[in-house]
Amino acid sequence: MDSLSPSGSQNGREARRRYLTKALFKVNIQNSLGPVQVVMQPENTAAELTKAAIAVYVKERRRPLLGSVDPGCYDLHYSQFNLESLKPEEKLEDLGSRNFFLCPKFNLENTK
């Protein structure tokens, strides 16, 4: 048996966890020119990806500057055309995508 192939007693998800320790996620931030690339474990949550993407954006001194670096002020979406935001506690491995869109939370107080 090949040393890289999963054994027959494991299911696909366990085998994937065994071999895939980290994955590359791309996060487009609203009004930014290109995606931020973040390497994380698939077991991490959407909230942790948001926090890491903001940290990379600030570290790389990207423009435009963010209004806030608090991850709680942002929503993570599958794309800019998807109105429903992802739940912060969702695991990245369960989302089925590695490309996301980050935008500030809509605040009714700011629209008055």
PDB file of N, CA and C in Angstrom:
ATOM      1  N   MET A   1       0.849  -1.179   0.000  1.00  0.00           N
ATOM      2  CA  MET A   1       0.000   0.000   0.000  1.00  0.00           C
ATOM      3  C   MET A   1       0.891   1.237   0.000  1.00  0.00           C
ATOM      4  N   ASP A   2       0.503   2.238  -0.738  1.00  0.00           N
ATOM      5  CA  ASP A   2       1.232   3.498  -0.829  1.00  0.00           C
ATOM      6  C   ASP A   2       1.176   4.220   0.517  1.00  0.00           C
ATOM      7  N   SER A   3       2.303   4.783   0.945  1.00  0.00           N
ATOM      8  CA  SER A   3       2.342   5.451   2.250  1.00  0.00           C
ATOM      9  C   SER A   3       1.530   6.741   2.271  1.00  0.00           C
ATOM     10  N   LEU A   4       1.221   7.303   1.094  1.00  0.00           N
ATOM     11  CA  LEU A   4       0.450   8.540   1.043  1.00  0.00           C
ATOM     12  C   LEU A   4      -1.046   8.305   0.950  1.00  0.00           C
ATOM     13  N   SER A   5      -1.451   7.103   0.641  1.00  0.00           N
ATOM     14  CA  SER A   5      -2.881   6.835   0.510  1.00  0.00           C
ATOM     15  C   SER A   5      -3.474   6.533   1.879  1.00  0.00           C
ATOM     16  N   PRO A   6      -4.713   6.965   2.097  1.00  0.00           N
ATOM     17  CA  PRO A   6      -5.353   6.683   3.383  1.00  0.00           C
ATOM     18  C   PRO A   6      -5.679   5.210   3.509  1.00  0.00           C
ATOM     19  N   SER A   7      -5.645   4.696   4.717  1.00  0.00           N
ATOM     20  CA  SER A   7      -5.975   3.292   4.925  1.00  0.00           C
ATOM     21  C   SER A   7      -7.476   3.087   4.755  1.00  0.00           C
ATOM     22  N   GLY A   8      -7.867   1.869   4.491  1.00  0.00           N
ATOM     23  CA  GLY A   8      -9.265   1.559   4.230  1.00  0.00           C
ATOM     24  C   GLY A   8     -10.166   1.750   5.440  1.00  0.00           C
ATOM     25  N   SER A   9      -9.621   1.736   6.649  1.00  0.00           N
ATOM     26  CA  SER A   9     -10.455   1.850   7.842  1.00  0.00           C
ATOM     27  C   SER A   9     -10.854   3.288   8.168  1.00  0.00           C
ATOM     28  N   GLN A  10     -10.216   4.266   7.525  1.00  0.00           N
ATOM     29  CA  GLN A  10     -10.555   5.664   7.801  1.00  0.00           C
ATOM     30  C   GLN A  10     -11.533   6.168   6.759  1.00  0.00           C
ATOM     31  N   ASN A  11     -12.417   7.060   7.196  1.00  0.00           N
ATOM     32  CA  ASN A  11     -13.295   7.676   6.200  1.00  0.00           C
ATOM     33  C   ASN A  11     -12.564   8.852   5.573  1.00  0.00           C
ATOM     34  N   GLY A  12     -13.155   9.464   4.562  1.00  0.00           N
ATOM     35  CA  GLY A  12     -12.506  10.535   3.811  1.00  0.00           C
ATOM     36  C   GLY A  12     -12.155  11.748   4.650  1.00  0.00           C
ATOM     37  N   ARG A  13     -13.027  12.129   5.564  1.00  0.00           N
ATOM     38  CA  ARG A  13     -12.785  13.329   6.383  1.00  0.00           C
ATOM     39  C   ARG A  13     -11.586  13.128   7.313  1.00  0.00           C
ATOM     40  N   GLU A  14     -11.494  11.962   7.940  1.00  0.00           N
ATOM     41  CA  GLU A  14     -10.358  11.696   8.824  1.00  0.00           C
ATOM     42  C   GLU A  14      -9.060  11.670   8.039  1.00  0.00           C
ATOM     43  N   ALA A  15      -9.089  11.091   6.854  1.00  0.00           N
ATOM     44  CA  ALA A  15      -7.892  11.038   6.019  1.00  0.00           C
ATOM     45  C   ALA A  15      -7.475  12.440   5.595  1.00  0.00           C
ATOM     46  N   ARG A  16      -8.445  13.281   5.267  1.00  0.00           N
ATOM     47  CA  ARG A  16      -8.145  14.654   4.865  1.00  0.00           C
ATOM     48  C   ARG A  16      -7.501  15.410   6.025  1.00  0.00           C
ATOM     49  N   ARG A  17      -8.014  15.245   7.225  1.00  0.00           N
ATOM     50  CA  ARG A  17      -7.438  15.914   8.397  1.00  0.00           C
ATOM     51  C   ARG A  17      -6.006  15.457   8.630  1.00  0.00           C
ATOM     52  N   ARG A  18      -5.771  14.187   8.377  1.00  0.00           N
ATOM     53  CA  ARG A  18      -4.448  13.628   8.615  1.00  0.00           C
ATOM     54  C   ARG A  18      -3.413  14.233   7.672  1.00  0.00           C
ATOM     55  N   TYR A  19      -3.782  14.467   6.439  1.00  0.00           N
ATOM     56  CA  TYR A  19      -2.836  14.950   5.439  1.00  0.00           C
ATOM     57  C   TYR A  19      -2.910  16.455   5.220  1.00  0.00           C
ATOM     58  N   LEU A  20      -4.053  17.066   5.447  1.00  0.00           N
ATOM     59  CA  LEU A  20      -4.215  18.497   5.228  1.00  0.00           C
ATOM     60  C   LEU A  20      -4.168  19.201   6.580  1.00  0.00           C
ATOM     61  N   THR A  21      -2.987  19.702   6.939  1.00  0.00           N
ATOM     62  CA  THR A  21      -2.862  20.350   8.236  1.00  0.00           C
ATOM     63  C   THR A  21      -3.157  21.836   8.152  1.00  0.00           C
ATOM     64  N   LYS A  22      -2.857  22.456   7.011  1.00  0.00           N
ATOM     65  CA  LYS A  22      -3.144  23.880   6.822  1.00  0.00           C
ATOM     66  C   LYS A  22      -3.631  24.093   5.400  1.00  0.00           C
ATOM     67  N   ALA A  23      -4.378  25.166   5.220  1.00  0.00           N
ATOM     68  CA  ALA A  23      -4.919  25.482   3.894  1.00  0.00           C
ATOM     69  C   ALA A  23      -4.789  26.982   3.655  1.00  0.00           C
ATOM     70  N   LEU A  24      -4.745  27.359   2.386  1.00  0.00           N
ATOM     71  CA  LEU A  24      -4.662  28.758   1.997  1.00  0.00           C
ATOM     72  C   LEU A  24      -6.064  29.298   1.774  1.00  0.00           C
ATOM     73  N   PHE A  25      -6.402  30.368   2.475  1.00  0.00           N
ATOM     74  CA  PHE A  25      -7.692  31.026   2.327  1.00  0.00           C
ATOM     75  C   PHE A  25      -7.447  32.424   1.786  1.00  0.00           C
ATOM     76  N   LYS A  26      -8.300  32.849   0.870  1.00  0.00           N
ATOM     77  CA  LYS A  26      -8.199  34.187   0.297  1.00  0.00           C
ATOM     78  C   LYS A  26      -9.417  34.989   0.732  1.00  0.00           C
ATOM     79  N   VAL A  27      -9.152  36.177   1.270  1.00  0.00           N
ATOM     80  CA  VAL A  27     -10.224  37.036   1.773  1.00  0.00           C
ATOM     81  C   VAL A  27     -10.139  38.385   1.079  1.00  0.00           C
ATOM     82  N   ASN A  28     -11.158  38.714   0.306  1.00  0.00           N
ATOM     83  CA  ASN A  28     -11.257  40.043  -0.295  1.00  0.00           C
ATOM     84  C   ASN A  28     -11.895  40.968   0.723  1.00  0.00           C
ATOM     85  N   ILE A  29     -11.258  42.098   0.964  1.00  0.00           N
ATOM     86  CA  ILE A  29     -11.789  43.081   1.898  1.00  0.00           C
ATOM     87  C   ILE A  29     -12.387  44.217   1.087  1.00  0.00           C
ATOM     88  N   GLN A  30     -13.564  44.652   1.476  1.00  0.00           N
ATOM     89  CA  GLN A  30     -14.294  45.678   0.730  1.00  0.00           C
ATOM     90  C   GLN A  30     -13.401  46.885   0.439  1.00  0.00           C
ATOM     91  N   ASN A  31     -13.417  47.330  -0.826  1.00  0.00           N
ATOM     92  CA  ASN A  31     -12.658  48.473  -1.345  1.00  0.00           C
ATOM     93  C   ASN A  31     -11.163  48.224  -1.476  1.00  0.00           C
ATOM     94  N   SER A  32     -10.688  47.022  -1.180  1.00  0.00           N
ATOM     95  CA  SER A  32      -9.279  46.699  -1.341  1.00  0.00           C
ATOM     96  C   SER A  32      -9.043  46.180  -2.757  1.00  0.00           C
ATOM     97  N   LEU A  33      -7.815  46.343  -3.253  1.00  0.00           N
ATOM     98  CA  LEU A  33      -7.527  45.950  -4.632  1.00  0.00           C
ATOM     99  C   LEU A  33      -7.371  44.453  -4.835  1.00  0.00           C
ATOM    100  N   GLY A  34      -6.880  43.745  -3.865  1.00  0.00           N
ATOM    101  CA  GLY A  34      -6.663  42.313  -4.035  1.00  0.00           C
ATOM    102  C   GLY A  34      -6.933  41.562  -2.749  1.00  0.00           C
ATOM    103  N   PRO A  35      -7.016  40.238  -2.846  1.00  0.00           N
ATOM    104  CA  PRO A  35      -7.322  39.451  -1.653  1.00  0.00           C
ATOM    105  C   PRO A  35      -6.134  39.352  -0.704  1.00  0.00           C
ATOM    106  N   VAL A  36      -6.443  39.191   0.557  1.00  0.00           N
ATOM    107  CA  VAL A  36      -5.459  38.892   1.589  1.00  0.00           C
ATOM    108  C   VAL A  36      -5.357  37.377   1.649  1.00  0.00           C
ATOM    109  N   GLN A  37      -4.144  36.853   1.676  1.00  0.00           N
ATOM    110  CA  GLN A  37      -3.953  35.409   1.734  1.00  0.00           C
ATOM    111  C   GLN A  37      -3.581  35.007   3.156  1.00  0.00           C
ATOM    112  N   VAL A  38      -4.327  34.046   3.680  1.00  0.00           N
ATOM    113  CA  VAL A  38      -4.137  33.599   5.059  1.00  0.00           C
ATOM    114  C   VAL A  38      -3.987  32.083   5.057  1.00  0.00           C
ATOM    115  N   VAL A  39      -2.948  31.588   5.712  1.00  0.00           N
ATOM    116  CA  VAL A  39      -2.751  30.144   5.863  1.00  0.00           C
ATOM    117  C   VAL A  39      -3.204  29.769   7.265  1.00  0.00           C
ATOM    118  N   MET A  40      -4.199  28.882   7.322  1.00  0.00           N
ATOM    119  CA  MET A  40      -4.783  28.478   8.608  1.00  0.00           C
ATOM    120  C   MET A  40      -5.152  27.001   8.569  1.00  0.00           C
ATOM    121  N   GLN A  41      -5.416  26.473   9.734  1.00  0.00           N
ATOM    122  CA  GLN A  41      -5.927  25.111   9.821  1.00  0.00           C
ATOM    123  C   GLN A  41      -7.414  25.115   9.487  1.00  0.00           C
ATOM    124  N   PRO A  42      -7.885  24.139   8.745  1.00  0.00           N
ATOM    125  CA  PRO A  42      -9.311  24.076   8.393  1.00  0.00           C
ATOM    126  C   PRO A  42     -10.234  23.935   9.601  1.00  0.00           C
ATOM    127  N   GLU A  43      -9.705  23.527  10.738  1.00  0.00           N
ATOM    128  CA  GLU A  43     -10.519  23.386  11.945  1.00  0.00           C
ATOM    129  C   GLU A  43     -10.833  24.734  12.588  1.00  0.00           C
ATOM    130  N   ASN A  44     -10.172  25.798  12.152  1.00  0.00           N
ATOM    131  CA  ASN A  44     -10.430  27.131  12.705  1.00  0.00           C
ATOM    132  C   ASN A  44     -11.813  27.615  12.297  1.00  0.00           C
ATOM    133  N   THR A  45     -12.276  28.658  12.979  1.00  0.00           N
ATOM    134  CA  THR A  45     -13.620  29.181  12.731  1.00  0.00           C
ATOM    135  C   THR A  45     -13.585  30.398  11.814  1.00  0.00           C
ATOM    136  N   ALA A  46     -14.759  30.801  11.370  1.00  0.00           N
ATOM    137  CA  ALA A  46     -14.887  31.995  10.527  1.00  0.00           C
ATOM    138  C   ALA A  46     -14.434  33.235  11.292  1.00  0.00           C
ATOM    139  N   ALA A  47     -14.680  33.291  12.586  1.00  0.00           N
ATOM    140  CA  ALA A  47     -14.240  34.433  13.401  1.00  0.00           C
ATOM    141  C   ALA A  47     -12.718  34.517  13.445  1.00  0.00           C
ATOM    142  N   GLU A  48     -12.062  33.374  13.540  1.00  0.00           N
ATOM    143  CA  GLU A  48     -10.595  33.359  13.557  1.00  0.00           C
ATOM    144  C   GLU A  48     -10.025  33.769  12.204  1.00  0.00           C
ATOM    145  N   LEU A  49     -10.696  33.386  11.118  1.00  0.00           N
ATOM    146  CA  LEU A  49     -10.265  33.813   9.788  1.00  0.00           C
ATOM    147  C   LEU A  49     -10.420  35.321   9.638  1.00  0.00           C
ATOM    148  N   THR A  50     -11.511  35.871  10.126  1.00  0.00           N
ATOM    149  CA  THR A  50     -11.729  37.320  10.076  1.00  0.00           C
ATOM    150  C   THR A  50     -10.617  38.047  10.821  1.00  0.00           C
ATOM    151  N   LYS A  51     -10.308  37.583  12.015  1.00  0.00           N
ATOM    152  CA  LYS A  51      -9.259  38.206  12.827  1.00  0.00           C
ATOM    153  C   LYS A  51      -7.907  38.122  12.121  1.00  0.00           C
ATOM    154  N   ALA A  52      -7.581  36.968  11.556  1.00  0.00           N
ATOM    155  CA  ALA A  52      -6.299  36.787  10.874  1.00  0.00           C
ATOM    156  C   ALA A  52      -6.211  37.632   9.608  1.00  0.00           C
ATOM    157  N   ALA A  53      -7.304  37.722   8.853  1.00  0.00           N
ATOM    158  CA  ALA A  53      -7.308  38.517   7.620  1.00  0.00           C
ATOM    159  C   ALA A  53      -7.099  39.998   7.924  1.00  0.00           C
ATOM    160  N   ILE A  54      -7.723  40.493   8.973  1.00  0.00           N
ATOM    161  CA  ILE A  54      -7.543  41.896   9.365  1.00  0.00           C
ATOM    162  C   ILE A  54      -6.100  42.133   9.806  1.00  0.00           C
ATOM    163  N   ALA A  55      -5.533  41.186  10.553  1.00  0.00           N
ATOM    164  CA  ALA A  55      -4.147  41.322  11.009  1.00  0.00           C
ATOM    165  C   ALA A  55      -3.182  41.372   9.826  1.00  0.00           C
ATOM    166  N   VAL A  56      -3.388  40.526   8.821  1.00  0.00           N
ATOM    167  CA  VAL A  56      -2.530  40.529   7.631  1.00  0.00           C
ATOM    168  C   VAL A  56      -2.698  41.828   6.860  1.00  0.00           C
ATOM    169  N   TYR A  57      -3.924  42.293   6.721  1.00  0.00           N
ATOM    170  CA  TYR A  57      -4.208  43.542   6.004  1.00  0.00           C
ATOM    171  C   TYR A  57      -3.462  44.714   6.646  1.00  0.00           C
ATOM    172  N   VAL A  58      -3.509  44.795   7.966  1.00  0.00           N
ATOM    173  CA  VAL A  58      -2.838  45.878   8.693  1.00  0.00           C
ATOM    174  C   VAL A  58      -1.319  45.709   8.614  1.00  0.00           C
ATOM    175  N   LYS A  59      -0.834  44.479   8.767  1.00  0.00           N
ATOM    176  CA  LYS A  59       0.608  44.212   8.731  1.00  0.00           C
ATOM    177  C   LYS A  59       1.212  44.581   7.380  1.00  0.00           C
ATOM    178  N   GLU A  60       0.468  44.315   6.296  1.00  0.00           N
ATOM    179  CA  GLU A  60       0.952  44.623   4.952  1.00  0.00           C
ATOM    180  C   GLU A  60       0.755  46.093   4.579  1.00  0.00           C
ATOM    181  N   ARG A  61       0.172  46.867   5.486  1.00  0.00           N
ATOM    182  CA  ARG A  61      -0.083  48.299   5.283  1.00  0.00           C
ATOM    183  C   ARG A  61      -0.870  48.558   4.002  1.00  0.00           C
ATOM    184  N   ARG A  62      -1.912  47.799   3.856  1.00  0.00           N
ATOM    185  CA  ARG A  62      -2.759  47.940   2.668  1.00  0.00           C
ATOM    186  C   ARG A  62      -3.600  49.195   2.753  1.00  0.00           C
ATOM    187  N   ARG A  63      -4.042  49.628   1.588  1.00  0.00           N
ATOM    188  CA  ARG A  63      -4.910  50.795   1.467  1.00  0.00           C
ATOM    189  C   ARG A  63      -6.201  50.366   0.813  1.00  0.00           C
ATOM    190  N   PRO A  64      -7.308  50.975   1.117  1.00  0.00           N
ATOM    191  CA  PRO A  64      -7.506  52.041   2.094  1.00  0.00           C
ATOM    192  C   PRO A  64      -7.399  51.499   3.517  1.00  0.00           C
ATOM    193  N   LEU A  65      -7.092  52.383   4.433  1.00  0.00           N
ATOM    194  CA  LEU A  65      -7.004  51.998   5.834  1.00  0.00           C
ATOM    195  C   LEU A  65      -8.379  51.567   6.333  1.00  0.00           C
ATOM    196  N   LEU A  66      -8.375  50.603   7.224  1.00  0.00           N
ATOM    197  CA  LEU A  66      -9.635  50.117   7.787  1.00  0.00           C
ATOM    198  C   LEU A  66     -10.158  51.099   8.826  1.00  0.00           C
ATOM    199  N   GLY A  67     -11.466  51.233   8.890  1.00  0.00           N
ATOM    200  CA  GLY A  67     -12.089  52.107   9.881  1.00  0.00           C
ATOM    201  C   GLY A  67     -11.906  51.587  11.294  1.00  0.00           C
ATOM    202  N   SER A  68     -11.801  50.274  11.437  1.00  0.00           N
ATOM    203  CA  SER A  68     -11.617  49.641  12.736  1.00  0.00           C
ATOM    204  C   SER A  68     -10.853  48.340  12.534  1.00  0.00           C
ATOM    205  N   VAL A  69     -10.039  47.973  13.499  1.00  0.00           N
ATOM    206  CA  VAL A  69      -9.334  46.693  13.431  1.00  0.00           C
ATOM    207  C   VAL A  69      -9.991  45.656  14.340  1.00  0.00           C
ATOM    208  N   ASP A  70     -11.152  45.976  14.867  1.00  0.00           N
ATOM    209  CA  ASP A  70     -11.910  45.052  15.707  1.00  0.00           C
ATOM    210  C   ASP A  70     -12.638  44.055  14.809  1.00  0.00           C
ATOM    211  N   PRO A  71     -12.310  42.757  14.912  1.00  0.00           N
ATOM    212  CA  PRO A  71     -12.975  41.762  14.059  1.00  0.00           C
ATOM    213  C   PRO A  71     -14.490  41.720  14.240  1.00  0.00           C
ATOM    214  N   GLY A  72     -14.983  42.160  15.391  1.00  0.00           N
ATOM    215  CA  GLY A  72     -16.418  42.176  15.648  1.00  0.00           C
ATOM    216  C   GLY A  72     -17.174  43.194  14.812  1.00  0.00           C
ATOM    217  N   CYS A  73     -16.457  44.091  14.168  1.00  0.00           N
ATOM    218  CA  CYS A  73     -17.078  45.131  13.333  1.00  0.00           C
ATOM    219  C   CYS A  73     -17.242  44.691  11.884  1.00  0.00           C
ATOM    220  N   TYR A  74     -16.892  43.429  11.575  1.00  0.00           N
ATOM    221  CA  TYR A  74     -16.919  42.956  10.193  1.00  0.00           C
ATOM    222  C   TYR A  74     -17.731  41.673  10.066  1.00  0.00           C
ATOM    223  N   ASP A  75     -18.291  41.489   8.886  1.00  0.00           N
ATOM    224  CA  ASP A  75     -19.009  40.259   8.540  1.00  0.00           C
ATOM    225  C   ASP A  75     -18.250  39.548   7.439  1.00  0.00           C
ATOM    226  N   LEU A  76     -18.198  38.225   7.526  1.00  0.00           N
ATOM    227  CA  LEU A  76     -17.561  37.402   6.502  1.00  0.00           C
ATOM    228  C   LEU A  76     -18.650  36.787   5.632  1.00  0.00           C
ATOM    229  N   HIS A  77     -18.508  36.919   4.313  1.00  0.00           N
ATOM    230  CA  HIS A  77     -19.480  36.405   3.350  1.00  0.00           C
ATOM    231  C   HIS A  77     -18.769  35.486   2.358  1.00  0.00           C
ATOM    232  N   TYR A  78     -19.557  34.665   1.644  1.00  0.00           N
ATOM    233  CA  TYR A  78     -18.981  33.857   0.571  1.00  0.00           C
ATOM    234  C   TYR A  78     -18.501  34.746  -0.569  1.00  0.00           C
ATOM    235  N   SER A  79     -19.257  35.789  -0.889  1.00  0.00           N
ATOM    236  CA  SER A  79     -18.869  36.726  -1.943  1.00  0.00           C
ATOM    237  C   SER A  79     -19.532  38.069  -1.674  1.00  0.00           C
ATOM    238  N   GLN A  80     -19.139  39.071  -2.453  1.00  0.00           N
ATOM    239  CA  GLN A  80     -19.731  40.395  -2.261  1.00  0.00           C
ATOM    240  C   GLN A  80     -21.184  40.437  -2.706  1.00  0.00           C
ATOM    241  N   PHE A  81     -21.622  39.420  -3.423  1.00  0.00           N
ATOM    242  CA  PHE A  81     -22.996  39.370  -3.915  1.00  0.00           C
ATOM    243  C   PHE A  81     -23.909  38.551  -3.009  1.00  0.00           C
ATOM    244  N   ASN A  82     -23.364  37.981  -1.954  1.00  0.00           N
ATOM    245  CA  ASN A  82     -24.119  37.173  -1.009  1.00  0.00           C
ATOM    246  C   ASN A  82     -24.482  38.039   0.194  1.00  0.00           C
ATOM    247  N   LEU A  83     -25.775  38.229   0.437  1.00  0.00           N
ATOM    248  CA  LEU A  83     -26.217  39.102   1.524  1.00  0.00           C
ATOM    249  C   LEU A  83     -26.120  38.451   2.898  1.00  0.00           C
ATOM    250  N   GLU A  84     -26.159  37.134   2.949  1.00  0.00           N
ATOM    251  CA  GLU A  84     -26.137  36.431   4.230  1.00  0.00           C
ATOM    252  C   GLU A  84     -24.698  36.247   4.710  1.00  0.00           C
ATOM    253  N   SER A  85     -24.422  36.721   5.918  1.00  0.00           N
ATOM    254  CA  SER A  85     -23.067  36.570   6.457  1.00  0.00           C
ATOM    255  C   SER A  85     -22.912  35.195   7.106  1.00  0.00           C
ATOM    256  N   LEU A  86     -21.675  34.758   7.188  1.00  0.00           N
ATOM    257  CA  LEU A  86     -21.377  33.466   7.796  1.00  0.00           C
ATOM    258  C   LEU A  86     -21.397  33.596   9.312  1.00  0.00           C
ATOM    259  N   LYS A  87     -21.771  32.526   9.975  1.00  0.00           N
ATOM    260  CA  LYS A  87     -21.780  32.526  11.438  1.00  0.00           C
ATOM    261  C   LYS A  87     -20.335  32.451  11.933  1.00  0.00           C
ATOM    262  N   PRO A  88     -19.978  33.259  12.922  1.00  0.00           N
ATOM    263  CA  PRO A  88     -18.589  33.287  13.400  1.00  0.00           C
ATOM    264  C   PRO A  88     -18.087  31.947  13.938  1.00  0.00           C
ATOM    265  N   GLU A  89     -18.983  31.119  14.442  1.00  0.00           N
ATOM    266  CA  GLU A  89     -18.555  29.848  15.035  1.00  0.00           C
ATOM    267  C   GLU A  89     -18.433  28.711  14.019  1.00  0.00           C
ATOM    268  N   GLU A  90     -18.776  28.950  12.760  1.00  0.00           N
ATOM    269  CA  GLU A  90     -18.696  27.903  11.741  1.00  0.00           C
ATOM    270  C   GLU A  90     -17.247  27.529  11.455  1.00  0.00           C
ATOM    271  N   LYS A  91     -16.998  26.238  11.313  1.00  0.00           N
ATOM    272  CA  LYS A  91     -15.660  25.738  10.989  1.00  0.00           C
ATOM    273  C   LYS A  91     -15.386  25.962   9.503  1.00  0.00           C
ATOM    274  N   LEU A  92     -14.165  26.344   9.184  1.00  0.00           N
ATOM    275  CA  LEU A  92     -13.797  26.615   7.794  1.00  0.00           C
ATOM    276  C   LEU A  92     -13.922  25.368   6.926  1.00  0.00           C
ATOM    277  N   GLU A  93     -13.607  24.203   7.482  1.00  0.00           N
ATOM    278  CA  GLU A  93     -13.672  22.968   6.711  1.00  0.00           C
ATOM    279  C   GLU A  93     -15.110  22.611   6.317  1.00  0.00           C
ATOM    280  N   ASP A  94     -16.091  23.149   7.021  1.00  0.00           N
ATOM    281  CA  ASP A  94     -17.490  22.854   6.726  1.00  0.00           C
ATOM    282  C   ASP A  94     -18.115  23.852   5.750  1.00  0.00           C
ATOM    283  N   LEU A  95     -17.403  24.921   5.411  1.00  0.00           N
ATOM    284  CA  LEU A  95     -17.977  25.974   4.569  1.00  0.00           C
ATOM    285  C   LEU A  95     -17.922  25.649   3.081  1.00  0.00           C
ATOM    286  N   GLY A  96     -17.001  24.794   2.658  1.00  0.00           N
ATOM    287  CA  GLY A  96     -16.953  24.390   1.260  1.00  0.00           C
ATOM    288  C   GLY A  96     -16.318  25.399   0.329  1.00  0.00           C
ATOM    289  N   SER A  97     -15.616  26.375   0.860  1.00  0.00           N
ATOM    290  CA  SER A  97     -14.955  27.374   0.022  1.00  0.00           C
ATOM    291  C   SER A  97     -13.685  27.837   0.711  1.00  0.00           C
ATOM    292  N   ARG A  98     -12.773  28.373  -0.083  1.00  0.00           N
ATOM    293  CA  ARG A  98     -11.552  28.962   0.472  1.00  0.00           C
ATOM    294  C   ARG A  98     -11.427  30.424   0.083  1.00  0.00           C
ATOM    295  N   ASN A  99     -12.444  30.955  -0.566  1.00  0.00           N
ATOM    296  CA  ASN A  99     -12.472  32.354  -0.977  1.00  0.00           C
ATOM    297  C   ASN A  99     -13.652  33.040  -0.302  1.00  0.00           C
ATOM    298  N   PHE A 100     -13.375  34.177   0.347  1.00  0.00           N
ATOM    299  CA  PHE A 100     -14.405  34.865   1.108  1.00  0.00           C
ATOM    300  C   PHE A 100     -14.329  36.368   0.881  1.00  0.00           C
ATOM    301  N   PHE A 101     -15.351  37.069   1.357  1.00  0.00           N
ATOM    302  CA  PHE A 101     -15.435  38.520   1.239  1.00  0.00           C
ATOM    303  C   PHE A 101     -15.715  39.092   2.622  1.00  0.00           C
ATOM    304  N   LEU A 102     -14.931  40.093   3.013  1.00  0.00           N
ATOM    305  CA  LEU A 102     -15.067  40.711   4.326  1.00  0.00           C
ATOM    306  C   LEU A 102     -15.522  42.151   4.157  1.00  0.00           C
ATOM    307  N   CYS A 103     -16.603  42.510   4.845  1.00  0.00           N
ATOM    308  CA  CYS A 103     -17.091  43.890   4.753  1.00  0.00           C
ATOM    309  C   CYS A 103     -17.534  44.360   6.138  1.00  0.00           C
ATOM    310  N   PRO A 104     -17.552  45.685   6.334  1.00  0.00           N
ATOM    311  CA  PRO A 104     -18.021  46.208   7.625  1.00  0.00           C
ATOM    312  C   PRO A 104     -19.479  45.829   7.854  1.00  0.00           C
ATOM    313  N   LYS A 105     -19.821  45.606   9.111  1.00  0.00           N
ATOM    314  CA  LYS A 105     -21.213  45.305   9.444  1.00  0.00           C
ATOM    315  C   LYS A 105     -22.070  46.517   9.150  1.00  0.00           C
ATOM    316  N   PHE A 106     -23.257  46.254   8.653  1.00  0.00           N
ATOM    317  CA  PHE A 106     -24.206  47.324   8.375  1.00  0.00           C
ATOM    318  C   PHE A 106     -24.756  47.813   9.694  1.00  0.00           C
ATOM    319  N   ASN A 107     -24.654  49.105   9.927  1.00  0.00           N
ATOM    320  CA  ASN A 107     -25.094  49.690  11.187  1.00  0.00           C
ATOM    321  C   ASN A 107     -26.158  50.739  10.891  1.00  0.00           C
ATOM    322  N   LEU A 108     -27.361  50.545  11.397  1.00  0.00           N
ATOM    323  CA  LEU A 108     -28.456  51.483  11.135  1.00  0.00           C
ATOM    324  C   LEU A 108     -28.186  52.870  11.703  1.00  0.00           C
ATOM    325  N   GLU A 109     -27.407  52.963  12.764  1.00  0.00           N
ATOM    326  CA  GLU A 109     -27.108  54.262  13.362  1.00  0.00           C
ATOM    327  C   GLU A 109     -26.267  55.128  12.426  1.00  0.00           C
ATOM    328  N   ASN A 110     -25.448  54.500  11.578  1.00  0.00           N
ATOM    329  CA  ASN A 110     -24.597  55.259  10.660  1.00  0.00           C
ATOM    330  C   ASN A 110     -25.364  55.793   9.462  1.00  0.00           C
ATOM    331  N   THR A 111     -26.545  55.265   9.203  1.00  0.00           N
ATOM    332  CA  THR A 111     -27.308  55.678   8.025  1.00  0.00           C
ATOM    333  C   THR A 111     -28.235  56.849   8.305  1.00  0.00           C
ATOM    334  N   LYS A 112     -28.405  57.226   9.548  1.00  0.00           N
ATOM    335  CA  LYS A 112     -29.322  58.325   9.906  1.00  0.00           C
ATOM    336  C   LYS A 112     -28.690  59.670   9.628  1.00  0.00           C
TER     337      LYS A 112
END
